[in-house]
Amino acid sequence: MKIVNLTPRTLKLMPDGPGGPSLTVSPSGKVARCATDWVVETITADGITIPVNRAQVGVVTDLPEPQPDTIYIVSRWVAEAVGRDDLYYVDDVVRDGQGRVIGAKALSRQ
């Protein structure tokens, strides 16, 4: 199985956490992006008007066509916008002692 990282960051996949084996997946050089427009709506509660921001997903760019035995790691926005079976995003992140993300235990898909 070939894994193509279409995010701007190096990803470290560590299914057993920091002490176990890991796989580092470098960025491919292309970043799949999803245009997003924010629509502001409002709700009123107890006489107070509260803005509600709603994302409207637009066109996805720099996403290759599906290839046999290949998965693409993308942002969750891209995966949700396109809904292909070959698009994955990081899940179950691993953090260091200072709360910084250092990897992920799993991938997820739609």
PDB file of N, CA and C in Angstrom:
ATOM      1  N   MET A   1       0.851  -1.179   0.000  1.00  0.00           N
ATOM      2  CA  MET A   1       0.000   0.000   0.000  1.00  0.00           C
ATOM      3  C   MET A   1       0.896   1.242   0.000  1.00  0.00           C
ATOM      4  N   LYS A   2       0.640   2.138  -0.908  1.00  0.00           N
ATOM      5  CA  LYS A   2       1.383   3.392  -0.995  1.00  0.00           C
ATOM      6  C   LYS A   2       0.575   4.477  -0.274  1.00  0.00           C
ATOM      7  N   ILE A   3       1.257   5.276   0.550  1.00  0.00           N
ATOM      8  CA  ILE A   3       0.620   6.384   1.262  1.00  0.00           C
ATOM      9  C   ILE A   3       1.201   7.685   0.724  1.00  0.00           C
ATOM     10  N   VAL A   4       0.327   8.560   0.237  1.00  0.00           N
ATOM     11  CA  VAL A   4       0.744   9.865  -0.279  1.00  0.00           C
ATOM     12  C   VAL A   4       0.200  10.933   0.664  1.00  0.00           C
ATOM     13  N   ASN A   5       1.093  11.744   1.198  1.00  0.00           N
ATOM     14  CA  ASN A   5       0.738  12.796   2.145  1.00  0.00           C
ATOM     15  C   ASN A   5       0.472  14.087   1.373  1.00  0.00           C
ATOM     16  N   LEU A   6      -0.786  14.484   1.287  1.00  0.00           N
ATOM     17  CA  LEU A   6      -1.172  15.718   0.595  1.00  0.00           C
ATOM     18  C   LEU A   6      -1.457  16.840   1.584  1.00  0.00           C
ATOM     19  N   THR A   7      -0.742  16.832   2.722  1.00  0.00           N
ATOM     20  CA  THR A   7      -0.801  17.916   3.697  1.00  0.00           C
ATOM     21  C   THR A   7       0.563  18.604   3.708  1.00  0.00           C
ATOM     22  N   PRO A   8       0.668  19.784   4.315  1.00  0.00           N
ATOM     23  CA  PRO A   8       1.962  20.481   4.324  1.00  0.00           C
ATOM     24  C   PRO A   8       2.917  20.003   5.423  1.00  0.00           C
ATOM     25  N   ARG A   9       2.493  19.061   6.256  1.00  0.00           N
ATOM     26  CA  ARG A   9       3.309  18.655   7.402  1.00  0.00           C
ATOM     27  C   ARG A   9       3.746  17.196   7.303  1.00  0.00           C
ATOM     28  N   THR A  10       4.911  16.916   7.863  1.00  0.00           N
ATOM     29  CA  THR A  10       5.345  15.534   8.018  1.00  0.00           C
ATOM     30  C   THR A  10       4.443  14.872   9.044  1.00  0.00           C
ATOM     31  N   LEU A  11       3.985  13.669   8.743  1.00  0.00           N
ATOM     32  CA  LEU A  11       3.091  12.951   9.643  1.00  0.00           C
ATOM     33  C   LEU A  11       3.810  11.757  10.237  1.00  0.00           C
ATOM     34  N   LYS A  12       3.637  11.566  11.524  1.00  0.00           N
ATOM     35  CA  LYS A  12       4.225  10.415  12.191  1.00  0.00           C
ATOM     36  C   LYS A  12       3.079   9.560  12.711  1.00  0.00           C
ATOM     37  N   LEU A  13       2.946   8.375  12.122  1.00  0.00           N
ATOM     38  CA  LEU A  13       1.894   7.451  12.524  1.00  0.00           C
ATOM     39  C   LEU A  13       2.484   6.465  13.516  1.00  0.00           C
ATOM     40  N   MET A  14       1.900   6.413  14.703  1.00  0.00           N
ATOM     41  CA  MET A  14       2.405   5.576  15.791  1.00  0.00           C
ATOM     42  C   MET A  14       1.245   4.846  16.454  1.00  0.00           C
ATOM     43  N   PRO A  15       0.827   3.719  15.865  1.00  0.00           N
ATOM     44  CA  PRO A  15      -0.358   3.011  16.362  1.00  0.00           C
ATOM     45  C   PRO A  15      -0.302   2.615  17.831  1.00  0.00           C
ATOM     46  N   ASP A  16       0.890   2.342  18.360  1.00  0.00           N
ATOM     47  CA  ASP A  16       1.023   1.935  19.763  1.00  0.00           C
ATOM     48  C   ASP A  16       1.488   3.075  20.663  1.00  0.00           C
ATOM     49  N   GLY A  17       1.458   4.292  20.158  1.00  0.00           N
ATOM     50  CA  GLY A  17       1.916   5.434  20.935  1.00  0.00           C
ATOM     51  C   GLY A  17       3.397   5.691  20.730  1.00  0.00           C
ATOM     52  N   PRO A  18       3.949   6.652  21.475  1.00  0.00           N
ATOM     53  CA  PRO A  18       5.336   7.067  21.274  1.00  0.00           C
ATOM     54  C   PRO A  18       6.378   5.978  21.487  1.00  0.00           C
ATOM     55  N   GLY A  19       6.093   4.955  22.288  1.00  0.00           N
ATOM     56  CA  GLY A  19       7.082   3.925  22.569  1.00  0.00           C
ATOM     57  C   GLY A  19       7.131   2.802  21.557  1.00  0.00           C
ATOM     58  N   GLY A  20       6.169   2.755  20.652  1.00  0.00           N
ATOM     59  CA  GLY A  20       6.094   1.657  19.698  1.00  0.00           C
ATOM     60  C   GLY A  20       6.662   2.024  18.336  1.00  0.00           C
ATOM     61  N   PRO A  21       6.515   1.121  17.394  1.00  0.00           N
ATOM     62  CA  PRO A  21       6.994   1.398  16.045  1.00  0.00           C
ATOM     63  C   PRO A  21       6.201   2.539  15.422  1.00  0.00           C
ATOM     64  N   SER A  22       6.839   3.236  14.493  1.00  0.00           N
ATOM     65  CA  SER A  22       6.162   4.365  13.858  1.00  0.00           C
ATOM     66  C   SER A  22       6.517   4.412  12.378  1.00  0.00           C
ATOM     67  N   LEU A  23       5.697   5.123  11.648  1.00  0.00           N
ATOM     68  CA  LEU A  23       5.913   5.348  10.225  1.00  0.00           C
ATOM     69  C   LEU A  23       5.856   6.846   9.990  1.00  0.00           C
ATOM     70  N   THR A  24       6.914   7.407   9.415  1.00  0.00           N
ATOM     71  CA  THR A  24       6.946   8.829   9.098  1.00  0.00           C
ATOM     72  C   THR A  24       6.610   8.999   7.625  1.00  0.00           C
ATOM     73  N   VAL A  25       5.637   9.864   7.344  1.00  0.00           N
ATOM     74  CA  VAL A  25       5.196  10.103   5.976  1.00  0.00           C
ATOM     75  C   VAL A  25       5.441  11.579   5.656  1.00  0.00           C
ATOM     76  N   SER A  26       6.422  11.821   4.808  1.00  0.00           N
ATOM     77  CA  SER A  26       6.779  13.195   4.434  1.00  0.00           C
ATOM     78  C   SER A  26       5.744  13.780   3.479  1.00  0.00           C
ATOM     79  N   PRO A  27       5.634  15.117   3.457  1.00  0.00           N
ATOM     80  CA  PRO A  27       4.728  15.754   2.495  1.00  0.00           C
ATOM     81  C   PRO A  27       5.149  15.424   1.071  1.00  0.00           C
ATOM     82  N   SER A  28       4.179  15.268   0.196  1.00  0.00           N
ATOM     83  CA  SER A  28       4.452  14.920  -1.195  1.00  0.00           C
ATOM     84  C   SER A  28       4.905  16.126  -2.021  1.00  0.00           C
ATOM     85  N   GLY A  29       4.676  17.323  -1.489  1.00  0.00           N
ATOM     86  CA  GLY A  29       4.970  18.530  -2.256  1.00  0.00           C
ATOM     87  C   GLY A  29       3.706  19.162  -2.820  1.00  0.00           C
ATOM     88  N   LYS A  30       2.630  18.397  -2.868  1.00  0.00           N
ATOM     89  CA  LYS A  30       1.321  18.926  -3.254  1.00  0.00           C
ATOM     90  C   LYS A  30       0.445  18.946  -2.011  1.00  0.00           C
ATOM     91  N   VAL A  31      -0.386  19.960  -1.899  1.00  0.00           N
ATOM     92  CA  VAL A  31      -1.307  20.061  -0.774  1.00  0.00           C
ATOM     93  C   VAL A  31      -2.722  20.161  -1.331  1.00  0.00           C
ATOM     94  N   ALA A  32      -3.532  19.146  -1.048  1.00  0.00           N
ATOM     95  CA  ALA A  32      -4.934  19.185  -1.448  1.00  0.00           C
ATOM     96  C   ALA A  32      -5.650  20.182  -0.543  1.00  0.00           C
ATOM     97  N   ARG A  33      -6.336  21.110  -1.155  1.00  0.00           N
ATOM     98  CA  ARG A  33      -7.028  22.149  -0.382  1.00  0.00           C
ATOM     99  C   ARG A  33      -8.489  22.225  -0.795  1.00  0.00           C
ATOM    100  N   CYS A  34      -9.278  22.688   0.154  1.00  0.00           N
ATOM    101  CA  CYS A  34     -10.706  22.836  -0.059  1.00  0.00           C
ATOM    102  C   CYS A  34     -11.067  24.299   0.179  1.00  0.00           C
ATOM    103  N   ALA A  35     -11.599  24.942  -0.848  1.00  0.00           N
ATOM    104  CA  ALA A  35     -12.049  26.321  -0.678  1.00  0.00           C
ATOM    105  C   ALA A  35     -13.197  26.333   0.329  1.00  0.00           C
ATOM    106  N   THR A  36     -13.166  27.281   1.219  1.00  0.00           N
ATOM    107  CA  THR A  36     -14.204  27.375   2.240  1.00  0.00           C
ATOM    108  C   THR A  36     -14.661  28.821   2.355  1.00  0.00           C
ATOM    109  N   ASP A  37     -15.937  29.017   2.248  1.00  0.00           N
ATOM    110  CA  ASP A  37     -16.535  30.329   2.474  1.00  0.00           C
ATOM    111  C   ASP A  37     -17.298  30.257   3.784  1.00  0.00           C
ATOM    112  N   TRP A  38     -17.209  31.319   4.552  1.00  0.00           N
ATOM    113  CA  TRP A  38     -17.916  31.353   5.826  1.00  0.00           C
ATOM    114  C   TRP A  38     -19.142  32.236   5.686  1.00  0.00           C
ATOM    115  N   VAL A  39     -20.275  31.683   6.010  1.00  0.00           N
ATOM    116  CA  VAL A  39     -21.536  32.397   5.980  1.00  0.00           C
ATOM    117  C   VAL A  39     -21.909  32.707   7.420  1.00  0.00           C
ATOM    118  N   VAL A  40     -22.207  33.960   7.696  1.00  0.00           N
ATOM    119  CA  VAL A  40     -22.566  34.355   9.055  1.00  0.00           C
ATOM    120  C   VAL A  40     -24.080  34.427   9.158  1.00  0.00           C
ATOM    121  N   GLU A  41     -24.609  33.646  10.074  1.00  0.00           N
ATOM    122  CA  GLU A  41     -26.021  33.665  10.394  1.00  0.00           C
ATOM    123  C   GLU A  41     -26.149  34.175  11.821  1.00  0.00           C
ATOM    124  N   THR A  42     -27.330  34.358  12.286  1.00  0.00           N
ATOM    125  CA  THR A  42     -27.517  34.772  13.678  1.00  0.00           C
ATOM    126  C   THR A  42     -28.659  33.993  14.309  1.00  0.00           C
ATOM    127  N   ILE A  43     -28.550  33.841  15.611  1.00  0.00           N
ATOM    128  CA  ILE A  43     -29.664  33.328  16.404  1.00  0.00           C
ATOM    129  C   ILE A  43     -29.895  34.332  17.524  1.00  0.00           C
ATOM    130  N   THR A  44     -31.096  34.350  18.043  1.00  0.00           N
ATOM    131  CA  THR A  44     -31.405  35.250  19.148  1.00  0.00           C
ATOM    132  C   THR A  44     -31.882  34.427  20.329  1.00  0.00           C
ATOM    133  N   ALA A  45     -31.267  34.665  21.474  1.00  0.00           N
ATOM    134  CA  ALA A  45     -31.651  33.982  22.700  1.00  0.00           C
ATOM    135  C   ALA A  45     -31.678  34.999  23.828  1.00  0.00           C
ATOM    136  N   ASP A  46     -32.762  35.042  24.532  1.00  0.00           N
ATOM    137  CA  ASP A  46     -32.931  35.979  25.657  1.00  0.00           C
ATOM    138  C   ASP A  46     -32.611  37.406  25.255  1.00  0.00           C
ATOM    139  N   GLY A  47     -33.029  37.786  24.046  1.00  0.00           N
ATOM    140  CA  GLY A  47     -32.848  39.157  23.579  1.00  0.00           C
ATOM    141  C   GLY A  47     -31.448  39.474  23.085  1.00  0.00           C
ATOM    142  N   ILE A  48     -30.546  38.496  23.045  1.00  0.00           N
ATOM    143  CA  ILE A  48     -29.172  38.723  22.579  1.00  0.00           C
ATOM    144  C   ILE A  48     -29.011  38.051  21.220  1.00  0.00           C
ATOM    145  N   THR A  49     -28.478  38.796  20.265  1.00  0.00           N
ATOM    146  CA  THR A  49     -28.211  38.245  18.941  1.00  0.00           C
ATOM    147  C   THR A  49     -26.801  37.678  18.921  1.00  0.00           C
ATOM    148  N   ILE A  50     -26.705  36.415  18.555  1.00  0.00           N
ATOM    149  CA  ILE A  50     -25.424  35.712  18.579  1.00  0.00           C
ATOM    150  C   ILE A  50     -25.061  35.313  17.156  1.00  0.00           C
ATOM    151  N   PRO A  51     -23.852  35.708  16.676  1.00  0.00           N
ATOM    152  CA  PRO A  51     -23.448  35.277  15.339  1.00  0.00           C
ATOM    153  C   PRO A  51     -23.119  33.786  15.319  1.00  0.00           C
ATOM    154  N   VAL A  52     -23.483  33.143  14.230  1.00  0.00           N
ATOM    155  CA  VAL A  52     -23.191  31.731  14.022  1.00  0.00           C
ATOM    156  C   VAL A  52     -22.468  31.623  12.678  1.00  0.00           C
ATOM    157  N   ASN A  53     -21.233  31.143  12.719  1.00  0.00           N
ATOM    158  CA  ASN A  53     -20.452  30.986  11.492  1.00  0.00           C
ATOM    159  C   ASN A  53     -20.679  29.587  10.940  1.00  0.00           C
ATOM    160  N   ARG A  54     -21.041  29.522   9.656  1.00  0.00           N
ATOM    161  CA  ARG A  54     -21.294  28.236   9.003  1.00  0.00           C
ATOM    162  C   ARG A  54     -20.376  28.117   7.794  1.00  0.00           C
ATOM    163  N   ALA A  55     -19.643  27.031   7.740  1.00  0.00           N
ATOM    164  CA  ALA A  55     -18.720  26.809   6.626  1.00  0.00           C
ATOM    165  C   ALA A  55     -19.474  26.278   5.421  1.00  0.00           C
ATOM    166  N   GLN A  56     -19.178  26.855   4.270  1.00  0.00           N
ATOM    167  CA  GLN A  56     -19.682  26.361   3.001  1.00  0.00           C
ATOM    168  C   GLN A  56     -18.487  25.856   2.219  1.00  0.00           C
ATOM    169  N   VAL A  57     -18.456  24.562   2.007  1.00  0.00           N
ATOM    170  CA  VAL A  57     -17.317  23.937   1.352  1.00  0.00           C
ATOM    171  C   VAL A  57     -17.420  24.148  -0.152  1.00  0.00           C
ATOM    172  N   GLY A  58     -16.255  24.499  -0.737  1.00  0.00           N
ATOM    173  CA  GLY A  58     -16.221  24.770  -2.171  1.00  0.00           C
ATOM    174  C   GLY A  58     -15.365  23.774  -2.924  1.00  0.00           C
ATOM    175  N   VAL A  59     -14.667  24.261  -3.915  1.00  0.00           N
ATOM    176  CA  VAL A  59     -13.885  23.443  -4.832  1.00  0.00           C
ATOM    177  C   VAL A  59     -12.630  22.891  -4.155  1.00  0.00           C
ATOM    178  N   VAL A  60     -12.334  21.625  -4.418  1.00  0.00           N
ATOM    179  CA  VAL A  60     -11.115  20.983  -3.925  1.00  0.00           C
ATOM    180  C   VAL A  60     -10.073  21.052  -5.035  1.00  0.00           C
ATOM    181  N   THR A  61      -8.856  21.462  -4.675  1.00  0.00           N
ATOM    182  CA  THR A  61      -7.774  21.570  -5.657  1.00  0.00           C
ATOM    183  C   THR A  61      -6.608  20.669  -5.276  1.00  0.00           C
ATOM    184  N   ASP A  62      -5.795  20.334  -6.270  1.00  0.00           N
ATOM    185  CA  ASP A  62      -4.568  19.539  -6.109  1.00  0.00           C
ATOM    186  C   ASP A  62      -4.809  18.154  -5.514  1.00  0.00           C
ATOM    187  N   LEU A  63      -5.921  17.549  -5.888  1.00  0.00           N
ATOM    188  CA  LEU A  63      -6.221  16.191  -5.455  1.00  0.00           C
ATOM    189  C   LEU A  63      -6.077  15.257  -6.657  1.00  0.00           C
ATOM    190  N   PRO A  64      -5.109  14.336  -6.613  1.00  0.00           N
ATOM    191  CA  PRO A  64      -4.923  13.418  -7.738  1.00  0.00           C
ATOM    192  C   PRO A  64      -6.105  12.469  -7.902  1.00  0.00           C
ATOM    193  N   GLU A  65      -6.208  11.904  -9.078  1.00  0.00           N
ATOM    194  CA  GLU A  65      -7.212  10.872  -9.331  1.00  0.00           C
ATOM    195  C   GLU A  65      -6.847   9.622  -8.525  1.00  0.00           C
ATOM    196  N   PRO A  66      -7.832   8.805  -8.175  1.00  0.00           N
ATOM    197  CA  PRO A  66      -7.530   7.565  -7.449  1.00  0.00           C
ATOM    198  C   PRO A  66      -6.549   6.689  -8.234  1.00  0.00           C
ATOM    199  N   GLN A  67      -5.676   6.013  -7.486  1.00  0.00           N
ATOM    200  CA  GLN A  67      -4.694   5.089  -8.068  1.00  0.00           C
ATOM    201  C   GLN A  67      -4.794   3.760  -7.325  1.00  0.00           C
ATOM    202  N   PRO A  68      -4.530   2.660  -8.002  1.00  0.00           N
ATOM    203  CA  PRO A  68      -4.590   1.353  -7.335  1.00  0.00           C
ATOM    204  C   PRO A  68      -3.598   1.277  -6.175  1.00  0.00           C
ATOM    205  N   ASP A  69      -4.003   0.650  -5.098  1.00  0.00           N
ATOM    206  CA  ASP A  69      -3.155   0.419  -3.922  1.00  0.00           C
ATOM    207  C   ASP A  69      -2.522   1.691  -3.373  1.00  0.00           C
ATOM    208  N   THR A  70      -3.225   2.815  -3.475  1.00  0.00           N
ATOM    209  CA  THR A  70      -2.720   4.102  -2.996  1.00  0.00           C
ATOM    210  C   THR A  70      -3.785   4.781  -2.156  1.00  0.00           C
ATOM    211  N   ILE A  71      -3.356   5.284  -0.993  1.00  0.00           N
ATOM    212  CA  ILE A  71      -4.251   6.132  -0.195  1.00  0.00           C
ATOM    213  C   ILE A  71      -3.621   7.509  -0.085  1.00  0.00           C
ATOM    214  N   TYR A  72      -4.467   8.507   0.089  1.00  0.00           N
ATOM    215  CA  TYR A  72      -4.014   9.886   0.204  1.00  0.00           C
ATOM    216  C   TYR A  72      -4.404  10.412   1.579  1.00  0.00           C
ATOM    217  N   ILE A  73      -3.445  10.991   2.275  1.00  0.00           N
ATOM    218  CA  ILE A  73      -3.741  11.642   3.545  1.00  0.00           C
ATOM    219  C   ILE A  73      -3.985  13.114   3.249  1.00  0.00           C
ATOM    220  N   VAL A  74      -5.156  13.577   3.639  1.00  0.00           N
ATOM    221  CA  VAL A  74      -5.605  14.935   3.357  1.00  0.00           C
ATOM    222  C   VAL A  74      -6.187  15.530   4.636  1.00  0.00           C
ATOM    223  N   SER A  75      -6.604  16.766   4.568  1.00  0.00           N
ATOM    224  CA  SER A  75      -7.299  17.361   5.705  1.00  0.00           C
ATOM    225  C   SER A  75      -8.705  16.760   5.799  1.00  0.00           C
ATOM    226  N   ARG A  76      -9.281  16.850   6.963  1.00  0.00           N
ATOM    227  CA  ARG A  76     -10.642  16.332   7.134  1.00  0.00           C
ATOM    228  C   ARG A  76     -11.622  17.074   6.226  1.00  0.00           C
ATOM    229  N   TRP A  77     -11.393  18.375   6.040  1.00  0.00           N
ATOM    230  CA  TRP A  77     -12.250  19.173   5.157  1.00  0.00           C
ATOM    231  C   TRP A  77     -12.291  18.570   3.760  1.00  0.00           C
ATOM    232  N   VAL A  78     -11.113  18.239   3.221  1.00  0.00           N
ATOM    233  CA  VAL A  78     -11.035  17.672   1.871  1.00  0.00           C
ATOM    234  C   VAL A  78     -11.725  16.320   1.835  1.00  0.00           C
ATOM    235  N   ALA A  79     -11.444  15.470   2.800  1.00  0.00           N
ATOM    236  CA  ALA A  79     -12.051  14.135   2.831  1.00  0.00           C
ATOM    237  C   ALA A  79     -13.573  14.223   2.872  1.00  0.00           C
ATOM    238  N   GLU A  80     -14.099  15.119   3.669  1.00  0.00           N
ATOM    239  CA  GLU A  80     -15.551  15.254   3.780  1.00  0.00           C
ATOM    240  C   GLU A  80     -16.155  15.861   2.518  1.00  0.00           C
ATOM    241  N   ALA A  81     -15.445  16.792   1.891  1.00  0.00           N
ATOM    242  CA  ALA A  81     -15.971  17.450   0.700  1.00  0.00           C
ATOM    243  C   ALA A  81     -16.055  16.497  -0.480  1.00  0.00           C
ATOM    244  N   VAL A  82     -15.094  15.577  -0.590  1.00  0.00           N
ATOM    245  CA  VAL A  82     -15.014  14.696  -1.754  1.00  0.00           C
ATOM    246  C   VAL A  82     -15.671  13.349  -1.488  1.00  0.00           C
ATOM    247  N   GLY A  83     -15.431  12.768  -0.310  1.00  0.00           N
ATOM    248  CA  GLY A  83     -16.066  11.517   0.061  1.00  0.00           C
ATOM    249  C   GLY A  83     -15.547  10.275  -0.655  1.00  0.00           C
ATOM    250  N   ARG A  84     -14.309  10.298  -1.115  1.00  0.00           N
ATOM    251  CA  ARG A  84     -13.735   9.123  -1.768  1.00  0.00           C
ATOM    252  C   ARG A  84     -13.197   8.143  -0.734  1.00  0.00           C
ATOM    253  N   ASP A  85     -13.191   6.852  -1.082  1.00  0.00           N
ATOM    254  CA  ASP A  85     -12.705   5.807  -0.175  1.00  0.00           C
ATOM    255  C   ASP A  85     -11.200   5.813   0.011  1.00  0.00           C
ATOM    256  N   ASP A  86     -10.474   6.495  -0.857  1.00  0.00           N
ATOM    257  CA  ASP A  86      -9.003   6.498  -0.768  1.00  0.00           C
ATOM    258  C   ASP A  86      -8.463   7.713  -0.024  1.00  0.00           C
ATOM    259  N   LEU A  87      -9.342   8.519   0.575  1.00  0.00           N
ATOM    260  CA  LEU A  87      -8.914   9.719   1.304  1.00  0.00           C
ATOM    261  C   LEU A  87      -9.015   9.487   2.802  1.00  0.00           C
ATOM    262  N   TYR A  88      -7.909   9.711   3.485  1.00  0.00           N
ATOM    263  CA  TYR A  88      -7.808   9.506   4.925  1.00  0.00           C
ATOM    264  C   TYR A  88      -7.306  10.784   5.590  1.00  0.00           C
ATOM    265  N   TYR A  89      -7.567  10.925   6.871  1.00  0.00           N
ATOM    266  CA  TYR A  89      -7.014  12.032   7.657  1.00  0.00           C
ATOM    267  C   TYR A  89      -6.581  11.477   9.013  1.00  0.00           C
ATOM    268  N   VAL A  90      -5.699  12.220   9.692  1.00  0.00           N
ATOM    269  CA  VAL A  90      -5.167  11.728  10.959  1.00  0.00           C
ATOM    270  C   VAL A  90      -6.247  11.735  12.033  1.00  0.00           C
ATOM    271  N   ASP A  91      -6.131  10.778  12.945  1.00  0.00           N
ATOM    272  CA  ASP A  91      -7.096  10.636  14.028  1.00  0.00           C
ATOM    273  C   ASP A  91      -6.357  10.140  15.266  1.00  0.00           C
ATOM    274  N   ASP A  92      -6.932  10.363  16.410  1.00  0.00           N
ATOM    275  CA  ASP A  92      -6.370   9.916  17.687  1.00  0.00           C
ATOM    276  C   ASP A  92      -4.937  10.433  17.840  1.00  0.00           C
ATOM    277  N   VAL A  93      -4.819  11.766  17.885  1.00  0.00           N
ATOM    278  CA  VAL A  93      -3.496  12.382  17.941  1.00  0.00           C
ATOM    279  C   VAL A  93      -2.767  12.068  19.234  1.00  0.00           C
ATOM    280  N   VAL A  94      -1.436  12.077  19.147  1.00  0.00           N
ATOM    281  CA  VAL A  94      -0.551  11.858  20.286  1.00  0.00           C
ATOM    282  C   VAL A  94       0.109  13.190  20.599  1.00  0.00           C
ATOM    283  N   ARG A  95       0.095  13.571  21.871  1.00  0.00           N
ATOM    284  CA  ARG A  95       0.687  14.853  22.283  1.00  0.00           C
ATOM    285  C   ARG A  95       1.874  14.611  23.216  1.00  0.00           C
ATOM    286  N   ASP A  96       2.804  15.563  23.189  1.00  0.00           N
ATOM    287  CA  ASP A  96       3.931  15.485  24.121  1.00  0.00           C
ATOM    288  C   ASP A  96       3.514  16.082  25.465  1.00  0.00           C
ATOM    289  N   GLY A  97       4.426  16.144  26.404  1.00  0.00           N
ATOM    290  CA  GLY A  97       4.147  16.659  27.747  1.00  0.00           C
ATOM    291  C   GLY A  97       3.698  18.106  27.784  1.00  0.00           C
ATOM    292  N   GLN A  98       3.958  18.846  26.708  1.00  0.00           N
ATOM    293  CA  GLN A  98       3.559  20.258  26.647  1.00  0.00           C
ATOM    294  C   GLN A  98       2.302  20.469  25.805  1.00  0.00           C
ATOM    295  N   GLY A  99       1.671  19.354  25.400  1.00  0.00           N
ATOM    296  CA  GLY A  99       0.418  19.450  24.667  1.00  0.00           C
ATOM    297  C   GLY A  99       0.557  19.584  23.157  1.00  0.00           C
ATOM    298  N   ARG A 100       1.775  19.540  22.634  1.00  0.00           N
ATOM    299  CA  ARG A 100       1.982  19.668  21.192  1.00  0.00           C
ATOM    300  C   ARG A 100       1.733  18.319  20.512  1.00  0.00           C
ATOM    301  N   VAL A 101       1.106  18.355  19.349  1.00  0.00           N
ATOM    302  CA  VAL A 101       0.858  17.135  18.586  1.00  0.00           C
ATOM    303  C   VAL A 101       2.182  16.630  18.030  1.00  0.00           C
ATOM    304  N   ILE A 102       2.493  15.363  18.310  1.00  0.00           N
ATOM    305  CA  ILE A 102       3.729  14.768  17.804  1.00  0.00           C
ATOM    306  C   ILE A 102       3.459  13.602  16.853  1.00  0.00           C
ATOM    307  N   GLY A 103       2.218  13.209  16.730  1.00  0.00           N
ATOM    308  CA  GLY A 103       1.877  12.109  15.838  1.00  0.00           C
ATOM    309  C   GLY A 103       0.430  11.723  15.986  1.00  0.00           C
ATOM    310  N   ALA A 104       0.089  10.586  15.377  1.00  0.00           N
ATOM    311  CA  ALA A 104      -1.271  10.079  15.450  1.00  0.00           C
ATOM    312  C   ALA A 104      -1.245   8.562  15.573  1.00  0.00           C
ATOM    313  N   LYS A 105      -2.192   8.033  16.352  1.00  0.00           N
ATOM    314  CA  LYS A 105      -2.295   6.586  16.520  1.00  0.00           C
ATOM    315  C   LYS A 105      -3.085   5.932  15.398  1.00  0.00           C
ATOM    316  N   ALA A 106      -3.890   6.729  14.691  1.00  0.00           N
ATOM    317  CA  ALA A 106      -4.778   6.137  13.696  1.00  0.00           C
ATOM    318  C   ALA A 106      -5.048   7.105  12.560  1.00  0.00           C
ATOM    319  N   LEU A 107      -5.621   6.557  11.524  1.00  0.00           N
ATOM    320  CA  LEU A 107      -6.180   7.335  10.428  1.00  0.00           C
ATOM    321  C   LEU A 107      -7.676   7.149  10.458  1.00  0.00           C
ATOM    322  N   SER A 108      -8.391   8.040   9.809  1.00  0.00           N
ATOM    323  CA  SER A 108      -9.838   7.940   9.733  1.00  0.00           C
ATOM    324  C   SER A 108     -10.257   8.265   8.298  1.00  0.00           C
ATOM    325  N   ARG A 109     -11.454   7.829   7.927  1.00  0.00           N
ATOM    326  CA  ARG A 109     -11.986   8.182   6.620  1.00  0.00           C
ATOM    327  C   ARG A 109     -13.496   8.246   6.685  1.00  0.00           C
ATOM    328  N   GLN A 110     -14.084   8.792   5.665  1.00  0.00           N
ATOM    329  CA  GLN A 110     -15.537   8.960   5.612  1.00  0.00           C
ATOM    330  C   GLN A 110     -16.205   7.666   5.256  1.00  0.00           C
TER     331      GLN A 110
END
